[in-house]
């Protein structure tokens, strides 16, 4: 009789736990999906980080070029003024 009671208890427990197990399986499936989504976001963040670093490097190079051009323009401007002064003296 104890054996029958134990079987009955196991059966009842299984029946009661079945919805809990199903819910747990759904939660685990959702968690796996969320982990995959987080991984994709991390990959996207890495791509954005690379793009930002590349853009920053290009901006720094452009700033350097502009500074060089500005110096050249100032030098050419000074030479132009000197040449105009020489031309006026010659005339």
PDB file of N, CA and C in Angstrom:
ATOM      1  N   UNK A   1       0.818  -1.197   0.000  1.00  0.00           N
ATOM      2  CA  UNK A   1       0.000   0.000   0.000  1.00  0.00           C
ATOM      3  C   UNK A   1       0.859   1.257   0.000  1.00  0.00           C
ATOM      4  N   UNK A   2       1.960   1.206   0.729  1.00  0.00           N
ATOM      5  CA  UNK A   2       2.856   2.360   0.732  1.00  0.00           C
ATOM      6  C   UNK A   2       3.375   2.640  -0.661  1.00  0.00           C
ATOM      7  N   UNK A   3       3.617   1.563  -1.411  1.00  0.00           N
ATOM      8  CA  UNK A   3       4.116   1.701  -2.765  1.00  0.00           C
ATOM      9  C   UNK A   3       3.084   2.384  -3.650  1.00  0.00           C
ATOM     10  N   UNK A   4       1.820   1.993  -3.505  1.00  0.00           N
ATOM     11  CA  UNK A   4       0.746   2.609  -4.283  1.00  0.00           C
ATOM     12  C   UNK A   4       0.597   4.084  -3.929  1.00  0.00           C
ATOM     13  N   UNK A   5       0.722   4.374  -2.671  1.00  0.00           N
ATOM     14  CA  UNK A   5       0.609   5.767  -2.221  1.00  0.00           C
ATOM     15  C   UNK A   5       1.763   6.602  -2.782  1.00  0.00           C
ATOM     16  N   UNK A   6       2.941   6.021  -2.790  1.00  0.00           N
ATOM     17  CA  UNK A   6       4.107   6.729  -3.335  1.00  0.00           C
ATOM     18  C   UNK A   6       3.920   6.987  -4.819  1.00  0.00           C
ATOM     19  N   UNK A   7       3.425   5.995  -5.564  1.00  0.00           N
ATOM     20  CA  UNK A   7       3.168   6.171  -6.995  1.00  0.00           C
ATOM     21  C   UNK A   7       2.123   7.262  -7.229  1.00  0.00           C
ATOM     22  N   UNK A   8       1.082   7.245  -6.419  1.00  0.00           N
ATOM     23  CA  UNK A   8       0.025   8.246  -6.543  1.00  0.00           C
ATOM     24  C   UNK A   8       0.580   9.637  -6.269  1.00  0.00           C
ATOM     25  N   UNK A   9       1.385   9.756  -5.226  1.00  0.00           N
ATOM     26  CA  UNK A   9       1.986  11.053  -4.901  1.00  0.00           C
ATOM     27  C   UNK A   9       2.889  11.539  -6.039  1.00  0.00           C
ATOM     28  N   UNK A  10       3.706  10.636  -6.576  1.00  0.00           N
ATOM     29  CA  UNK A  10       4.587  11.004  -7.702  1.00  0.00           C
ATOM     30  C   UNK A  10       3.755  11.468  -8.893  1.00  0.00           C
ATOM     31  N   UNK A  11       2.686  10.765  -9.167  1.00  0.00           N
ATOM     32  CA  UNK A  11       1.811  11.116 -10.295  1.00  0.00           C
ATOM     33  C   UNK A  11       1.193  12.500 -10.094  1.00  0.00           C
ATOM     34  N   UNK A  12       0.712  12.736  -8.885  1.00  0.00           N
ATOM     35  CA  UNK A  12       0.098  14.035  -8.579  1.00  0.00           C
ATOM     36  C   UNK A  12       1.139  15.150  -8.684  1.00  0.00           C
ATOM     37  N   UNK A  13       2.318  14.884  -8.150  1.00  0.00           N
ATOM     38  CA  UNK A  13       3.380  15.899  -8.191  1.00  0.00           C
ATOM     39  C   UNK A  13       3.762  16.201  -9.643  1.00  0.00           C
ATOM     40  N   UNK A  14       3.904  15.159 -10.461  1.00  0.00           N
ATOM     41  CA  UNK A  14       4.236  15.353 -11.882  1.00  0.00           C
ATOM     42  C   UNK A  14       3.181  16.211 -12.576  1.00  0.00           C
ATOM     43  N   UNK A  15       1.937  15.885 -12.324  1.00  0.00           N
ATOM     44  CA  UNK A  15       0.843  16.646 -12.937  1.00  0.00           C
ATOM     45  C   UNK A  15       0.877  18.109 -12.500  1.00  0.00           C
ATOM     46  N   UNK A  16       1.126  18.337 -11.223  1.00  0.00           N
ATOM     47  CA  UNK A  16       1.164  19.696 -10.703  1.00  0.00           C
ATOM     48  C   UNK A  16       2.386  20.472 -11.216  1.00  0.00           C
ATOM     49  N   UNK A  17       3.493  19.761 -11.401  1.00  0.00           N
ATOM     50  CA  UNK A  17       4.723  20.417 -11.845  1.00  0.00           C
ATOM     51  C   UNK A  17       4.796  20.599 -13.360  1.00  0.00           C
ATOM     52  N   UNK A  18       3.945  19.919 -14.097  1.00  0.00           N
ATOM     53  CA  UNK A  18       3.990  20.003 -15.556  1.00  0.00           C
ATOM     54  C   UNK A  18       3.847  21.446 -16.057  1.00  0.00           C
ATOM     55  N   UNK A  19       2.847  22.217 -15.583  1.00  0.00           N
ATOM     56  CA  UNK A  19       2.757  23.611 -16.042  1.00  0.00           C
ATOM     57  C   UNK A  19       3.989  24.445 -15.637  1.00  0.00           C
ATOM     58  N   UNK A  20       4.529  24.135 -14.471  1.00  0.00           N
ATOM     59  CA  UNK A  20       5.715  24.859 -14.002  1.00  0.00           C
ATOM     60  C   UNK A  20       6.897  24.540 -14.918  1.00  0.00           C
ATOM     61  N   UNK A  21       7.058  23.283 -15.270  1.00  0.00           N
ATOM     62  CA  UNK A  21       8.139  22.878 -16.168  1.00  0.00           C
ATOM     63  C   UNK A  21       7.980  23.511 -17.552  1.00  0.00           C
ATOM     64  N   UNK A  22       6.748  23.537 -18.054  1.00  0.00           N
ATOM     65  CA  UNK A  22       6.487  24.165 -19.356  1.00  0.00           C
ATOM     66  C   UNK A  22       6.837  25.656 -19.316  1.00  0.00           C
ATOM     67  N   UNK A  23       6.423  26.291 -18.245  1.00  0.00           N
ATOM     68  CA  UNK A  23       6.721  27.721 -18.097  1.00  0.00           C
ATOM     69  C   UNK A  23       8.229  27.948 -18.014  1.00  0.00           C
ATOM     70  N   UNK A  24       8.896  27.111 -17.266  1.00  0.00           N
ATOM     71  CA  UNK A  24      10.342  27.209 -17.131  1.00  0.00           C
ATOM     72  C   UNK A  24      11.024  27.041 -18.491  1.00  0.00           C
ATOM     73  N   UNK A  25      10.561  26.106 -19.295  1.00  0.00           N
ATOM     74  CA  UNK A  25      11.113  25.890 -20.630  1.00  0.00           C
ATOM     75  C   UNK A  25      10.906  27.132 -21.508  1.00  0.00           C
ATOM     76  N   UNK A  26       9.718  27.755 -21.433  1.00  0.00           N
ATOM     77  CA  UNK A  26       9.457  28.981 -22.200  1.00  0.00           C
ATOM     78  C   UNK A  26      10.391  30.107 -21.764  1.00  0.00           C
ATOM     79  N   UNK A  27      10.588  30.210 -20.463  1.00  0.00           N
ATOM     80  CA  UNK A  27      11.474  31.249 -19.930  1.00  0.00           C
ATOM     81  C   UNK A  27      12.906  31.021 -20.410  1.00  0.00           C
ATOM     82  N   UNK A  28      13.346  29.784 -20.393  1.00  0.00           N
ATOM     83  CA  UNK A  28      14.702  29.473 -20.858  1.00  0.00           C
ATOM     84  C   UNK A  28      14.853  29.781 -22.346  1.00  0.00           C
ATOM     85  N   UNK A  29      13.821  29.474 -23.123  1.00  0.00           N
ATOM     86  CA  UNK A  29      13.847  29.781 -24.556  1.00  0.00           C
ATOM     87  C   UNK A  29      13.922  31.293 -24.780  1.00  0.00           C
ATOM     88  N   UNK A  30      13.110  32.033 -24.048  1.00  0.00           N
ATOM     89  CA  UNK A  30      13.132  33.492 -24.154  1.00  0.00           C
ATOM     90  C   UNK A  30      14.495  34.045 -23.735  1.00  0.00           C
ATOM     91  N   UNK A  31      15.060  33.473 -22.688  1.00  0.00           N
ATOM     92  CA  UNK A  31      16.366  33.918 -22.207  1.00  0.00           C
ATOM     93  C   UNK A  31      17.440  33.683 -23.276  1.00  0.00           C
ATOM     94  N   UNK A  32      17.373  32.559 -23.939  1.00  0.00           N
ATOM     95  CA  UNK A  32      18.322  32.271 -25.012  1.00  0.00           C
ATOM     96  C   UNK A  32      18.178  33.301 -26.128  1.00  0.00           C
ATOM     97  N   UNK A  33      16.946  33.620 -26.474  1.00  0.00           N
ATOM     98  CA  UNK A  33      16.705  34.638 -27.502  1.00  0.00           C
ATOM     99  C   UNK A  33      17.246  35.996 -27.090  1.00  0.00           C
ATOM    100  N   UNK A  34      17.048  36.347 -25.836  1.00  0.00           N
ATOM    101  CA  UNK A  34      17.558  37.622 -25.336  1.00  0.00           C
ATOM    102  C   UNK A  34      19.082  37.664 -25.370  1.00  0.00           C
ATOM    103  N   UNK A  35      19.712  36.550 -25.019  1.00  0.00           N
ATOM    104  CA  UNK A  35      21.172  36.487 -25.063  1.00  0.00           C
ATOM    105  C   UNK A  35      21.668  36.710 -26.486  1.00  0.00           C
ATOM    106  N   UNK A  36      20.975  36.113 -27.452  1.00  0.00           N
ATOM    107  CA  UNK A  36      21.363  36.296 -28.855  1.00  0.00           C
ATOM    108  C   UNK A  36      21.202  37.748 -29.277  1.00  0.00           C
ATOM    109  N   UNK A  37      20.115  38.377 -28.860  1.00  0.00           N
ATOM    110  CA  UNK A  37      19.892  39.786 -29.184  1.00  0.00           C
ATOM    111  C   UNK A  37      20.961  40.674 -28.557  1.00  0.00           C
ATOM    112  N   UNK A  38      21.333  40.388 -27.330  1.00  0.00           N
ATOM    113  CA  UNK A  38      22.379  41.162 -26.650  1.00  0.00           C
ATOM    114  C   UNK A  38      23.702  41.007 -27.396  1.00  0.00           C
ATOM    115  N   UNK A  39      23.986  39.802 -27.854  1.00  0.00           N
ATOM    116  CA  UNK A  39      25.226  39.561 -28.601  1.00  0.00           C
ATOM    117  C   UNK A  39      25.237  40.381 -29.891  1.00  0.00           C
ATOM    118  N   UNK A  40      24.104  40.442 -30.565  1.00  0.00           N
ATOM    119  CA  UNK A  40      24.002  41.235 -31.795  1.00  0.00           C
ATOM    120  C   UNK A  40      24.232  42.710 -31.482  1.00  0.00           C
ATOM    121  N   UNK A  41      23.622  43.184 -30.413  1.00  0.00           N
ATOM    122  CA  UNK A  41      23.817  44.591 -30.003  1.00  0.00           C
ATOM    123  C   UNK A  41      25.296  44.863 -29.719  1.00  0.00           C
ATOM    124  N   UNK A  42      25.964  43.926 -29.057  1.00  0.00           N
ATOM    125  CA  UNK A  42      27.391  44.108 -28.768  1.00  0.00           C
ATOM    126  C   UNK A  42      28.185  44.197 -30.058  1.00  0.00           C
ATOM    127  N   UNK A  43      27.850  43.376 -31.028  1.00  0.00           N
ATOM    128  CA  UNK A  43      28.538  43.417 -32.316  1.00  0.00           C
ATOM    129  C   UNK A  43      28.287  44.760 -33.005  1.00  0.00           C
ATOM    130  N   UNK A  44      27.044  45.220 -32.946  1.00  0.00           N
ATOM    131  CA  UNK A  44      26.719  46.523 -33.534  1.00  0.00           C
ATOM    132  C   UNK A  44      27.489  47.642 -32.844  1.00  0.00           C
ATOM    133  N   UNK A  45      27.599  47.566 -31.530  1.00  0.00           N
ATOM    134  CA  UNK A  45      28.348  48.581 -30.793  1.00  0.00           C
ATOM    135  C   UNK A  45      29.809  48.597 -31.213  1.00  0.00           C
ATOM    136  N   UNK A  46      30.364  47.427 -31.437  1.00  0.00           N
ATOM    137  CA  UNK A  46      31.768  47.341 -31.866  1.00  0.00           C
ATOM    138  C   UNK A  46      31.942  47.977 -33.246  1.00  0.00           C
ATOM    139  N   UNK A  47      30.991  47.726 -34.135  1.00  0.00           N
ATOM    140  CA  UNK A  47      31.056  48.348 -35.464  1.00  0.00           C
ATOM    141  C   UNK A  47      30.944  49.870 -35.375  1.00  0.00           C
ATOM    142  N   UNK A  48      30.060  50.339 -34.521  1.00  0.00           N
ATOM    143  CA  UNK A  48      29.900  51.783 -34.336  1.00  0.00           C
ATOM    144  C   UNK A  48      31.172  52.371 -33.747  1.00  0.00           C
ATOM    145  N   UNK A  49      31.753  51.679 -32.782  1.00  0.00           N
ATOM    146  CA  UNK A  49      32.999  52.154 -32.157  1.00  0.00           C
ATOM    147  C   UNK A  49      34.100  52.283 -33.201  1.00  0.00           C
ATOM    148  N   UNK A  50      34.236  51.278 -34.057  1.00  0.00           N
ATOM    149  CA  UNK A  50      35.249  51.338 -35.117  1.00  0.00           C
ATOM    150  C   UNK A  50      34.994  52.509 -36.060  1.00  0.00           C
ATOM    151  N   UNK A  51      33.735  52.699 -36.426  1.00  0.00           N
ATOM    152  CA  UNK A  51      33.393  53.797 -37.334  1.00  0.00           C
ATOM    153  C   UNK A  51      33.720  55.145 -36.701  1.00  0.00           C
ATOM    154  N   UNK A  52      33.427  55.290 -35.421  1.00  0.00           N
ATOM    155  CA  UNK A  52      33.715  56.547 -34.721  1.00  0.00           C
ATOM    156  C   UNK A  52      35.217  56.783 -34.653  1.00  0.00           C
ATOM    157  N   UNK A  53      35.982  55.754 -34.340  1.00  0.00           N
ATOM    158  CA  UNK A  53      37.439  55.897 -34.282  1.00  0.00           C
ATOM    159  C   UNK A  53      38.009  56.253 -35.647  1.00  0.00           C
ATOM    160  N   UNK A  54      37.520  55.621 -36.690  1.00  0.00           N
ATOM    161  CA  UNK A  54      37.977  55.921 -38.048  1.00  0.00           C
ATOM    162  C   UNK A  54      37.644  57.362 -38.413  1.00  0.00           C
ATOM    163  N   UNK A  55      36.425  57.781 -38.097  1.00  0.00           N
ATOM    164  CA  UNK A  55      36.012  59.153 -38.390  1.00  0.00           C
ATOM    165  C   UNK A  55      36.866  60.139 -37.616  1.00  0.00           C
ATOM    166  N   UNK A  56      37.164  59.835 -36.366  1.00  0.00           N
ATOM    167  CA  UNK A  56      37.995  60.707 -35.538  1.00  0.00           C
ATOM    168  C   UNK A  56      39.389  60.849 -36.147  1.00  0.00           C
ATOM    169  N   UNK A  57      39.950  59.749 -36.617  1.00  0.00           N
ATOM    170  CA  UNK A  57      41.262  59.813 -37.256  1.00  0.00           C
ATOM    171  C   UNK A  57      41.235  60.694 -38.500  1.00  0.00           C
ATOM    172  N   UNK A  58      40.181  60.567 -39.276  1.00  0.00           N
ATOM    173  CA  UNK A  58      40.064  61.390 -40.492  1.00  0.00           C
ATOM    174  C   UNK A  58      39.915  62.863 -40.144  1.00  0.00           C
ATOM    175  N   UNK A  59      39.163  63.178 -39.116  1.00  0.00           N
ATOM    176  CA  UNK A  59      38.986  64.565 -38.699  1.00  0.00           C
ATOM    177  C   UNK A  59      40.325  65.145 -38.249  1.00  0.00           C
ATOM    178  N   UNK A  60      41.088  64.363 -37.505  1.00  0.00           N
ATOM    179  CA  UNK A  60      42.399  64.828 -37.042  1.00  0.00           C
ATOM    180  C   UNK A  60      43.301  65.107 -38.236  1.00  0.00           C
ATOM    181  N   UNK A  61      43.293  64.204 -39.232  1.00  0.00           N
ATOM    182  CA  UNK A  61      44.099  64.424 -40.441  1.00  0.00           C
ATOM    183  C   UNK A  61      43.653  65.673 -41.182  1.00  0.00           C
ATOM    184  N   UNK A  62      42.339  65.863 -41.284  1.00  0.00           N
ATOM    185  CA  UNK A  62      41.810  67.047 -41.980  1.00  0.00           C
ATOM    186  C   UNK A  62      42.204  68.324 -41.253  1.00  0.00           C
ATOM    187  N   UNK A  63      42.160  68.302 -39.927  1.00  0.00           N
ATOM    188  CA  UNK A  63      42.574  69.474 -39.152  1.00  0.00           C
ATOM    189  C   UNK A  63      44.033  69.802 -39.422  1.00  0.00           C
ATOM    190  N   UNK A  64      44.866  68.778 -39.494  1.00  0.00           N
ATOM    191  CA  UNK A  64      46.286  68.981 -39.767  1.00  0.00           C
ATOM    192  C   UNK A  64      46.482  69.589 -41.155  1.00  0.00           C
ATOM    193  N   UNK A  65      45.777  69.066 -42.128  1.00  0.00           N
ATOM    194  CA  UNK A  65      45.871  69.601 -43.496  1.00  0.00           C
ATOM    195  C   UNK A  65      45.420  71.051 -43.539  1.00  0.00           C
ATOM    196  N   UNK A  66      44.317  71.346 -42.869  1.00  0.00           N
ATOM    197  CA  UNK A  66      43.819  72.726 -42.850  1.00  0.00           C
ATOM    198  C   UNK A  66      44.807  73.669 -42.187  1.00  0.00           C
ATOM    199  N   UNK A  67      45.443  73.228 -41.114  1.00  0.00           N
ATOM    200  CA  UNK A  67      46.445  74.072 -40.455  1.00  0.00           C
ATOM    201  C   UNK A  67      47.617  74.345 -41.392  1.00  0.00           C
ATOM    202  N   UNK A  68      48.070  73.319 -42.110  1.00  0.00           N
ATOM    203  CA  UNK A  68      49.152  73.503 -43.079  1.00  0.00           C
ATOM    204  C   UNK A  68      48.742  74.460 -44.191  1.00  0.00           C
ATOM    205  N   UNK A  69      47.536  74.307 -44.678  1.00  0.00           N
ATOM    206  CA  UNK A  69      47.046  75.203 -45.730  1.00  0.00           C
ATOM    207  C   UNK A  69      46.964  76.639 -45.216  1.00  0.00           C
ATOM    208  N   UNK A  70      46.531  76.798 -43.980  1.00  0.00           N
ATOM    209  CA  UNK A  70      46.441  78.138 -43.388  1.00  0.00           C
ATOM    210  C   UNK A  70      47.829  78.782 -43.312  1.00  0.00           C
ATOM    211  N   UNK A  71      48.829  78.022 -42.889  1.00  0.00           N
ATOM    212  CA  UNK A  71      50.203  78.541 -42.832  1.00  0.00           C
ATOM    213  C   UNK A  71      50.699  78.931 -44.215  1.00  0.00           C
ATOM    214  N   UNK A  72      50.410  78.089 -45.204  1.00  0.00           N
ATOM    215  CA  UNK A  72      50.834  78.384 -46.577  1.00  0.00           C
ATOM    216  C   UNK A  72      50.159  79.654 -47.078  1.00  0.00           C
ATOM    217  N   UNK A  73      48.874  79.792 -46.807  1.00  0.00           N
ATOM    218  CA  UNK A  73      48.144  80.996 -47.233  1.00  0.00           C
ATOM    219  C   UNK A  73      48.732  82.231 -46.566  1.00  0.00           C
ATOM    220  N   UNK A  74      49.053  82.151 -45.290  1.00  0.00           N
ATOM    221  CA  UNK A  74      49.667  83.297 -44.604  1.00  0.00           C
ATOM    222  C   UNK A  74      51.019  83.641 -45.224  1.00  0.00           C
ATOM    223  N   UNK A  75      51.821  82.629 -45.529  1.00  0.00           N
ATOM    224  CA  UNK A  75      53.124  82.843 -46.153  1.00  0.00           C
ATOM    225  C   UNK A  75      52.964  83.476 -47.529  1.00  0.00           C
ATOM    226  N   UNK A  76      52.054  82.929 -48.324  1.00  0.00           N
ATOM    227  CA  UNK A  76      51.822  83.486 -49.657  1.00  0.00           C
ATOM    228  C   UNK A  76      51.285  84.909 -49.584  1.00  0.00           C
ATOM    229  N   UNK A  77      50.450  85.160 -48.606  1.00  0.00           N
ATOM    230  CA  UNK A  77      49.903  86.508 -48.423  1.00  0.00           C
ATOM    231  C   UNK A  77      51.021  87.493 -48.098  1.00  0.00           C
ATOM    232  N   UNK A  78      51.913  87.105 -47.199  1.00  0.00           N
ATOM    233  CA  UNK A  78      53.041  87.973 -46.835  1.00  0.00           C
ATOM    234  C   UNK A  78      53.937  88.219 -48.045  1.00  0.00           C
ATOM    235  N   UNK A  79      54.208  87.184 -48.819  1.00  0.00           N
ATOM    236  CA  UNK A  79      55.038  87.342 -50.022  1.00  0.00           C
ATOM    237  C   UNK A  79      54.359  88.255 -51.032  1.00  0.00           C
ATOM    238  N   UNK A  80      53.059  88.098 -51.192  1.00  0.00           N
ATOM    239  CA  UNK A  80      52.317  88.942 -52.128  1.00  0.00           C
ATOM    240  C   UNK A  80      52.424  90.409 -51.726  1.00  0.00           C
ATOM    241  N   UNK A  81      52.304  90.678 -50.426  1.00  0.00           N
ATOM    242  CA  UNK A  81      52.407  92.061 -49.939  1.00  0.00           C
ATOM    243  C   UNK A  81      53.810  92.589 -50.198  1.00  0.00           C
ATOM    244  N   UNK A  82      54.823  91.779 -49.952  1.00  0.00           N
ATOM    245  CA  UNK A  82      56.212  92.189 -50.211  1.00  0.00           C
ATOM    246  C   UNK A  82      56.411  92.488 -51.694  1.00  0.00           C
ATOM    247  N   UNK A  83      55.898  91.622 -52.556  1.00  0.00           N
ATOM    248  CA  UNK A  83      56.070  91.810 -53.991  1.00  0.00           C
ATOM    249  C   UNK A  83      55.348  93.067 -54.472  1.00  0.00           C
ATOM    250  N   UNK A  84      54.162  93.312 -53.935  1.00  0.00           N
ATOM    251  CA  UNK A  84      53.429  94.538 -54.301  1.00  0.00           C
ATOM    252  C   UNK A  84      54.212  95.770 -53.879  1.00  0.00           C
ATOM    253  N   UNK A  85      54.819  95.712 -52.711  1.00  0.00           N
ATOM    254  CA  UNK A  85      55.630  96.840 -52.243  1.00  0.00           C
ATOM    255  C   UNK A  85      56.838  97.035 -53.154  1.00  0.00           C
ATOM    256  N   UNK A  86      57.480  95.969 -53.571  1.00  0.00           N
ATOM    257  CA  UNK A  86      58.627  96.064 -54.483  1.00  0.00           C
ATOM    258  C   UNK A  86      58.208  96.642 -55.831  1.00  0.00           C
ATOM    259  N   UNK A  87      57.091  96.207 -56.343  1.00  0.00           N
ATOM    260  CA  UNK A  87      56.592  96.706 -57.625  1.00  0.00           C
ATOM    261  C   UNK A  87      56.312  98.207 -57.526  1.00  0.00           C
ATOM    262  N   UNK A  88      55.734  98.660 -56.429  1.00  0.00           N
ATOM    263  CA  UNK A  88      55.444 100.084 -56.255  1.00  0.00           C
ATOM    264  C   UNK A  88      56.751 100.880 -56.189  1.00  0.00           C
ATOM    265  N   UNK A  89      57.779 100.351 -55.565  1.00  0.00           N
ATOM    266  CA  UNK A  89      59.066 101.035 -55.487  1.00  0.00           C
ATOM    267  C   UNK A  89      59.734 101.118 -56.838  1.00  0.00           C
ATOM    268  N   UNK A  90      59.565 100.024 -57.603  1.00  0.00           N
ATOM    269  CA  UNK A  90      60.187 100.003 -58.927  1.00  0.00           C
ATOM    270  C   UNK A  90      59.524 101.012 -59.853  1.00  0.00           C
ATOM    271  N   UNK A  91      58.238 101.203 -59.740  1.00  0.00           N
ATOM    272  CA  UNK A  91      57.509 102.120 -60.598  1.00  0.00           C
ATOM    273  C   UNK A  91      57.845 103.497 -60.152  1.00  0.00           C
TER     274      UNK A  91
END
